[in-house]
Amino acid sequence: MLRQVEERKSDQAFLEAVARTMQALDQHVSQYIARRLAENNIRMDAALQLSAREREVFGLILKGLTNKEIAAHLGISASTAKFHVSSVLRKCGARSRLDVVREHKIAPNLELVAS
């Protein structure tokens, strides 16, 4: 009986330690993501700023398509695709396609931009 009580206390202490660790980890991860987003100027409100066409282009950027490939996929000229890509980068606060892809991996809820 005494052994069971000690085991329950031990289990309770373990579960409390796990809960504290998870809470600290969750807070650390949230701070890390916020810091990374701020460092790269990828704004979470980008979804509200992109037009329907820009959302299509965003999805194609995430797939790694070039401007020419985006143009062919959408049936537009390469210069128009380049314009849309530039607009997406500007609205997301990104300096390059790589910034957009890298930050999308860190903050996947940006995927709603591509839907």
C-alpha atoms as a PDB file:
ATOM      1  CA  MET A   1       0.000   0.000   0.000  1.00  0.00           C
ATOM      2  CA  LEU A   2       2.785   2.415   0.938  1.00  0.00           C
ATOM      3  CA  ARG A   3       4.613   1.461  -2.231  1.00  0.00           C
ATOM      4  CA  GLN A   4       1.524   2.300  -4.352  1.00  0.00           C
ATOM      5  CA  VAL A   5       1.222   5.708  -2.692  1.00  0.00           C
ATOM      6  CA  GLU A   6       4.895   6.412  -3.388  1.00  0.00           C
ATOM      7  CA  GLU A   7       4.501   5.301  -7.007  1.00  0.00           C
ATOM      8  CA  ARG A   8       1.487   7.601  -7.447  1.00  0.00           C
ATOM      9  CA  LYS A   9       3.436  10.536  -5.984  1.00  0.00           C
ATOM     10  CA  SER A  10       6.337   9.696  -8.257  1.00  0.00           C
ATOM     11  CA  ASP A  11       4.019   9.461 -11.275  1.00  0.00           C
ATOM     12  CA  GLN A  12       2.373  12.746 -10.335  1.00  0.00           C
ATOM     13  CA  ALA A  13       5.744  14.470  -9.960  1.00  0.00           C
ATOM     14  CA  PHE A  14       6.849  13.066 -13.319  1.00  0.00           C
ATOM     15  CA  LEU A  15       3.667  14.229 -15.064  1.00  0.00           C
ATOM     16  CA  GLU A  16       3.993  17.695 -13.544  1.00  0.00           C
ATOM     17  CA  ALA A  17       7.613  17.886 -14.728  1.00  0.00           C
ATOM     18  CA  VAL A  18       6.557  16.819 -18.234  1.00  0.00           C
ATOM     19  CA  ALA A  19       3.779  19.420 -18.267  1.00  0.00           C
ATOM     20  CA  ARG A  20       6.215  22.190 -17.202  1.00  0.00           C
ATOM     21  CA  THR A  21       8.704  21.100 -19.848  1.00  0.00           C
ATOM     22  CA  MET A  22       6.045  21.049 -22.563  1.00  0.00           C
ATOM     23  CA  GLN A  23       4.818  24.497 -21.560  1.00  0.00           C
ATOM     24  CA  ALA A  24       8.363  25.896 -21.624  1.00  0.00           C
ATOM     25  CA  LEU A  25       9.049  24.230 -24.976  1.00  0.00           C
ATOM     26  CA  ASP A  26       5.820  25.573 -26.460  1.00  0.00           C
ATOM     27  CA  GLN A  27       6.714  29.077 -25.309  1.00  0.00           C
ATOM     28  CA  HIS A  28      10.268  28.710 -26.662  1.00  0.00           C
ATOM     29  CA  VAL A  29       9.031  27.494 -30.055  1.00  0.00           C
ATOM     30  CA  SER A  30       6.506  30.334 -30.288  1.00  0.00           C
ATOM     31  CA  GLN A  31       9.189  32.893 -29.468  1.00  0.00           C
ATOM     32  CA  TYR A  32      11.549  31.332 -32.010  1.00  0.00           C
ATOM     33  CA  ILE A  33       8.958  31.461 -34.773  1.00  0.00           C
ATOM     34  CA  ALA A  34       8.019  35.054 -33.960  1.00  0.00           C
ATOM     35  CA  ARG A  35      11.689  36.065 -33.951  1.00  0.00           C
ATOM     36  CA  ARG A  36      12.369  34.316 -37.273  1.00  0.00           C
ATOM     37  CA  LEU A  37       9.349  35.915 -38.895  1.00  0.00           C
ATOM     38  CA  ALA A  38      10.405  39.332 -37.673  1.00  0.00           C
ATOM     39  CA  GLU A  39      14.001  38.818 -38.808  1.00  0.00           C
ATOM     40  CA  ASN A  40      12.922  37.983 -42.337  1.00  0.00           C
ATOM     41  CA  ASN A  41      10.017  40.399 -42.527  1.00  0.00           C
ATOM     42  CA  ILE A  42       7.604  37.671 -43.547  1.00  0.00           C
ATOM     43  CA  ARG A  43       4.302  39.091 -42.450  1.00  0.00           C
ATOM     44  CA  MET A  44       1.574  36.749 -41.289  1.00  0.00           C
ATOM     45  CA  ASP A  45      -1.085  39.057 -42.735  1.00  0.00           C
ATOM     46  CA  ALA A  46       0.260  38.441 -46.243  1.00  0.00           C
ATOM     47  CA  ALA A  47      -2.778  36.272 -46.971  1.00  0.00           C
ATOM     48  CA  LEU A  48      -4.995  39.309 -46.651  1.00  0.00           C
ATOM     49  CA  GLN A  49      -2.876  41.312 -49.068  1.00  0.00           C
ATOM     50  CA  LEU A  50      -2.449  38.916 -51.984  1.00  0.00           C
ATOM     51  CA  SER A  51      -4.788  38.897 -54.949  1.00  0.00           C
ATOM     52  CA  ALA A  52      -6.206  35.628 -56.241  1.00  0.00           C
ATOM     53  CA  ARG A  53      -3.523  35.502 -58.959  1.00  0.00           C
ATOM     54  CA  GLU A  54      -0.780  36.276 -56.445  1.00  0.00           C
ATOM     55  CA  ARG A  55      -2.023  33.403 -54.280  1.00  0.00           C
ATOM     56  CA  GLU A  56      -1.671  31.104 -57.292  1.00  0.00           C
ATOM     57  CA  VAL A  57       1.841  32.408 -57.907  1.00  0.00           C
ATOM     58  CA  PHE A  58       2.696  31.990 -54.215  1.00  0.00           C
ATOM     59  CA  GLY A  59       1.769  28.308 -54.424  1.00  0.00           C
ATOM     60  CA  LEU A  60       3.930  27.877 -57.522  1.00  0.00           C
ATOM     61  CA  ILE A  61       6.860  29.647 -55.842  1.00  0.00           C
ATOM     62  CA  LEU A  62       6.550  27.137 -52.996  1.00  0.00           C
ATOM     63  CA  LYS A  63       6.764  24.334 -55.572  1.00  0.00           C
ATOM     64  CA  GLY A  64      10.046  25.826 -56.834  1.00  0.00           C
ATOM     65  CA  LEU A  65       8.881  26.920 -60.270  1.00  0.00           C
ATOM     66  CA  THR A  66      10.837  29.541 -62.200  1.00  0.00           C
ATOM     67  CA  ASN A  67       9.204  32.629 -63.701  1.00  0.00           C
ATOM     68  CA  LYS A  68       9.072  30.902 -67.114  1.00  0.00           C
ATOM     69  CA  GLU A  69       7.497  27.801 -65.597  1.00  0.00           C
ATOM     70  CA  ILE A  70       4.984  29.911 -63.681  1.00  0.00           C
ATOM     71  CA  ALA A  71       4.138  31.746 -66.902  1.00  0.00           C
ATOM     72  CA  ALA A  72       3.590  28.490 -68.802  1.00  0.00           C
ATOM     73  CA  HIS A  73       1.521  27.011 -65.965  1.00  0.00           C
ATOM     74  CA  LEU A  74      -0.736  30.062 -65.769  1.00  0.00           C
ATOM     75  CA  GLY A  75      -0.816  30.860 -69.492  1.00  0.00           C
ATOM     76  CA  ILE A  76       0.711  34.326 -69.053  1.00  0.00           C
ATOM     77  CA  SER A  77       3.876  35.985 -70.328  1.00  0.00           C
ATOM     78  CA  ALA A  78       7.184  35.580 -68.507  1.00  0.00           C
ATOM     79  CA  SER A  79       7.273  39.308 -67.770  1.00  0.00           C
ATOM     80  CA  THR A  80       3.793  39.157 -66.220  1.00  0.00           C
ATOM     81  CA  ALA A  81       4.875  36.162 -64.113  1.00  0.00           C
ATOM     82  CA  LYS A  82       7.958  38.108 -63.024  1.00  0.00           C
ATOM     83  CA  PHE A  83       5.729  41.038 -62.055  1.00  0.00           C
ATOM     84  CA  HIS A  84       3.476  38.760 -59.967  1.00  0.00           C
ATOM     85  CA  VAL A  85       6.468  37.085 -58.283  1.00  0.00           C
ATOM     86  CA  SER A  86       7.915  40.495 -57.418  1.00  0.00           C
ATOM     87  CA  SER A  87       4.572  41.585 -56.019  1.00  0.00           C
ATOM     88  CA  VAL A  88       4.285  38.439 -53.872  1.00  0.00           C
ATOM     89  CA  LEU A  89       7.820  38.913 -52.526  1.00  0.00           C
ATOM     90  CA  ARG A  90       7.169  42.571 -51.749  1.00  0.00           C
ATOM     91  CA  LYS A  91       3.859  41.911 -50.001  1.00  0.00           C
ATOM     92  CA  CYS A  92       5.406  39.105 -47.952  1.00  0.00           C
ATOM     93  CA  GLY A  93       8.358  41.290 -47.057  1.00  0.00           C
ATOM     94  CA  ALA A  94      10.751  38.756 -48.550  1.00  0.00           C
ATOM     95  CA  ARG A  95      13.992  39.542 -50.331  1.00  0.00           C
ATOM     96  CA  SER A  96      13.962  36.352 -52.392  1.00  0.00           C
ATOM     97  CA  ARG A  97      11.976  33.243 -53.250  1.00  0.00           C
ATOM     98  CA  LEU A  98      14.197  31.344 -50.846  1.00  0.00           C
ATOM     99  CA  ASP A  99      13.005  33.572 -47.974  1.00  0.00           C
ATOM    100  CA  VAL A 100       9.394  32.739 -48.831  1.00  0.00           C
ATOM    101  CA  VAL A 101      10.050  28.993 -49.028  1.00  0.00           C
ATOM    102  CA  ARG A 102      12.241  28.955 -45.908  1.00  0.00           C
ATOM    103  CA  GLU A 103       9.706  30.854 -43.814  1.00  0.00           C
ATOM    104  CA  HIS A 104       6.829  28.784 -45.145  1.00  0.00           C
ATOM    105  CA  LYS A 105       8.560  25.718 -43.683  1.00  0.00           C
ATOM    106  CA  ILE A 106       8.805  27.494 -40.315  1.00  0.00           C
ATOM    107  CA  ALA A 107       5.291  28.932 -40.416  1.00  0.00           C
ATOM    108  CA  PRO A 108       3.155  26.602 -42.530  1.00  0.00           C
ATOM    109  CA  ASN A 109      -0.040  28.507 -41.801  1.00  0.00           C
ATOM    110  CA  LEU A 110       1.154  30.807 -44.562  1.00  0.00           C
ATOM    111  CA  GLU A 111      -0.088  27.977 -46.794  1.00  0.00           C
ATOM    112  CA  LEU A 112      -3.547  29.515 -46.573  1.00  0.00           C
ATOM    113  CA  VAL A 113      -2.131  32.171 -48.888  1.00  0.00           C
ATOM    114  CA  ALA A 114      -1.712  29.541 -51.567  1.00  0.00           C
ATOM    115  CA  SER A 115      -5.217  28.132 -51.270  1.00  0.00           C
END
